[in-house]
Amino acid sequence: MPNLLPCPFCGREPYCTESVNGTNMLYIGCSRCGVSIKAKKIFYPGRTEWSRDIKVVWNRRAESAEAENRRLREAVATIQTRATEVLENCNKGHAEFVDVRWLLPLTEAALQPRPTEPQK
């Protein structure tokens, strides 16, 4: 089975535990966010397997979040570029009717990498 990727919402290392109360369930989740997924153990004659490859499902979900974050960062960069162009045109005397100076600090802050480890 593959190694688990960090939580797609907060970056914390996930837990992976098999139930001990006889329900034959496997859980993967995040103790910070509370998000979790589960799979049931299925017994066949001569073999046992999980109802789904839960680790692959967890990792696919994390990859989707990373792709969405990349898309959002690209969108913010596009907004920042356009805002800079508008300000440069205003400074050259080509007035535009929208004041977008407030966008620059917001987009710069949004582009900063966020910590993946909890703050101590």
Protein backbone atom coordinates (compact mmCIF):
# COMPACT_ATOMS: atom_id res chain seq x y z
CA MET A 1 0.00 0.00 0.00
CA PRO A 2 1.20 3.56 -0.68
CA ASN A 3 2.33 5.97 2.00
CA LEU A 4 -0.30 8.45 3.15
CA LEU A 5 -0.14 12.05 2.01
CA PRO A 6 -0.84 14.83 4.53
CA CYS A 7 -4.37 16.02 5.24
CA PRO A 8 -5.65 17.90 2.16
CA PHE A 9 -7.20 20.61 4.35
CA CYS A 10 -4.57 21.44 6.99
CA GLY A 11 -1.40 19.50 6.06
CA ARG A 12 -1.23 17.45 9.27
CA GLU A 13 -0.06 13.84 9.12
CA PRO A 14 -3.13 11.56 9.04
CA TYR A 15 -3.84 8.66 11.35
CA CYS A 16 -4.63 5.15 10.08
CA THR A 17 -6.30 2.76 12.49
CA GLU A 18 -8.18 -0.49 12.36
CA SER A 19 -11.22 -0.77 14.61
CA VAL A 20 -10.85 -2.84 17.74
CA ASN A 21 -14.55 -3.21 18.54
CA GLY A 22 -15.28 -5.98 16.07
CA THR A 23 -16.68 -3.83 13.24
CA ASN A 24 -13.80 -4.74 10.90
CA MET A 25 -13.36 -1.15 9.72
CA LEU A 26 -10.20 0.73 8.72
CA TYR A 27 -10.17 4.49 9.28
CA ILE A 28 -7.88 7.19 7.89
CA GLY A 29 -8.36 10.76 9.03
CA CYS A 30 -7.04 13.94 10.57
CA SER A 31 -7.16 14.61 14.30
CA ARG A 32 -7.05 18.39 13.70
CA CYS A 33 -9.78 18.78 11.04
CA GLY A 34 -11.89 15.78 11.95
CA VAL A 35 -12.14 14.65 8.32
CA SER A 36 -12.00 10.88 7.87
CA ILE A 37 -12.78 8.03 5.47
CA LYS A 38 -13.36 4.37 6.19
CA ALA A 39 -13.37 0.95 4.53
CA LYS A 40 -14.90 -2.33 5.63
CA LYS A 41 -13.02 -5.62 5.72
CA ILE A 42 -14.66 -8.25 3.51
CA PHE A 43 -14.07 -11.94 4.17
CA TYR A 44 -13.92 -14.33 1.21
CA PRO A 45 -13.16 -18.06 1.37
CA GLY A 46 -9.39 -18.26 1.71
CA ARG A 47 -8.72 -14.50 1.68
CA THR A 48 -9.62 -11.16 3.23
CA GLU A 49 -9.56 -7.73 1.60
CA TRP A 50 -10.82 -4.22 2.17
CA SER A 51 -13.95 -2.94 0.41
CA ARG A 52 -11.78 -0.29 -1.27
CA ASP A 53 -8.13 0.63 -1.29
CA ILE A 54 -8.61 3.31 1.33
CA LYS A 55 -5.04 4.62 1.17
CA VAL A 56 -5.34 5.24 -2.58
CA VAL A 57 -8.65 7.04 -1.98
CA TRP A 58 -7.10 9.26 0.72
CA ASN A 59 -4.13 10.15 -1.47
CA ARG A 60 -6.30 10.88 -4.52
CA ARG A 61 -8.31 13.31 -2.46
CA ALA A 62 -5.16 15.07 -1.26
CA GLU A 63 -3.89 15.34 -4.85
CA SER A 64 -7.18 16.96 -5.90
CA ALA A 65 -6.81 19.57 -3.16
CA GLU A 66 -3.26 20.32 -4.28
CA ALA A 67 -4.46 20.77 -7.87
CA GLU A 68 -7.22 23.13 -6.70
CA ASN A 69 -4.73 25.15 -4.63
CA ARG A 70 -2.42 25.42 -7.65
CA ARG A 71 -5.34 26.63 -9.80
CA LEU A 72 -6.29 29.25 -7.19
CA ARG A 73 -2.69 30.49 -6.90
CA GLU A 74 -2.57 30.90 -10.68
CA ALA A 75 -5.86 32.84 -10.62
CA VAL A 76 -4.57 35.14 -7.88
CA ALA A 77 -1.36 35.73 -9.85
CA THR A 78 -3.43 36.69 -12.90
CA ILE A 79 -5.45 39.14 -10.81
CA GLN A 80 -2.26 40.62 -9.39
CA THR A 81 -0.75 41.04 -12.87
CA ARG A 82 -3.89 42.77 -14.17
CA ALA A 83 -4.06 45.03 -11.11
CA THR A 84 -0.45 46.06 -11.64
CA GLU A 85 -1.14 46.82 -15.32
CA VAL A 86 -4.13 49.00 -14.38
CA LEU A 87 -2.05 50.93 -11.82
CA GLU A 88 0.76 51.45 -14.33
CA ASN A 89 -1.74 52.78 -16.89
CA CYS A 90 -3.20 55.12 -14.29
CA ASN A 91 0.28 56.41 -13.49
CA LYS A 92 0.88 57.07 -17.21
CA GLY A 93 -2.29 59.16 -17.45
CA HIS A 94 -4.45 56.45 -18.98
CA ALA A 95 -7.13 56.63 -16.31
CA GLU A 96 -9.25 53.59 -15.67
CA PHE A 97 -12.38 53.84 -13.59
CA VAL A 98 -11.58 51.10 -11.09
CA ASP A 99 -9.21 51.67 -8.19
CA VAL A 100 -7.58 48.30 -7.62
CA ARG A 101 -4.72 49.30 -5.34
CA TRP A 102 -6.37 47.37 -2.48
CA LEU A 103 -5.87 44.12 -4.46
CA LEU A 104 -2.07 44.18 -4.34
CA PRO A 105 -1.50 43.47 -0.63
CA LEU A 106 -4.26 40.86 -0.63
CA THR A 107 -2.84 38.97 -3.57
CA GLU A 108 0.71 39.15 -2.21
CA ALA A 109 -0.48 37.68 1.09
CA ALA A 110 -2.44 34.95 -0.72
CA LEU A 111 0.65 33.88 -2.65
CA GLN A 112 2.72 33.33 0.50
CA PRO A 113 3.21 29.62 1.30
CA ARG A 114 1.21 28.45 4.27
CA PRO A 115 2.79 26.28 6.97
CA THR A 116 1.91 22.61 6.89
CA GLU A 117 2.88 21.99 10.50
CA PRO A 118 0.72 23.21 13.39
CA GLN A 119 1.75 26.48 15.02
CA LYS A 120 3.31 26.00 18.46
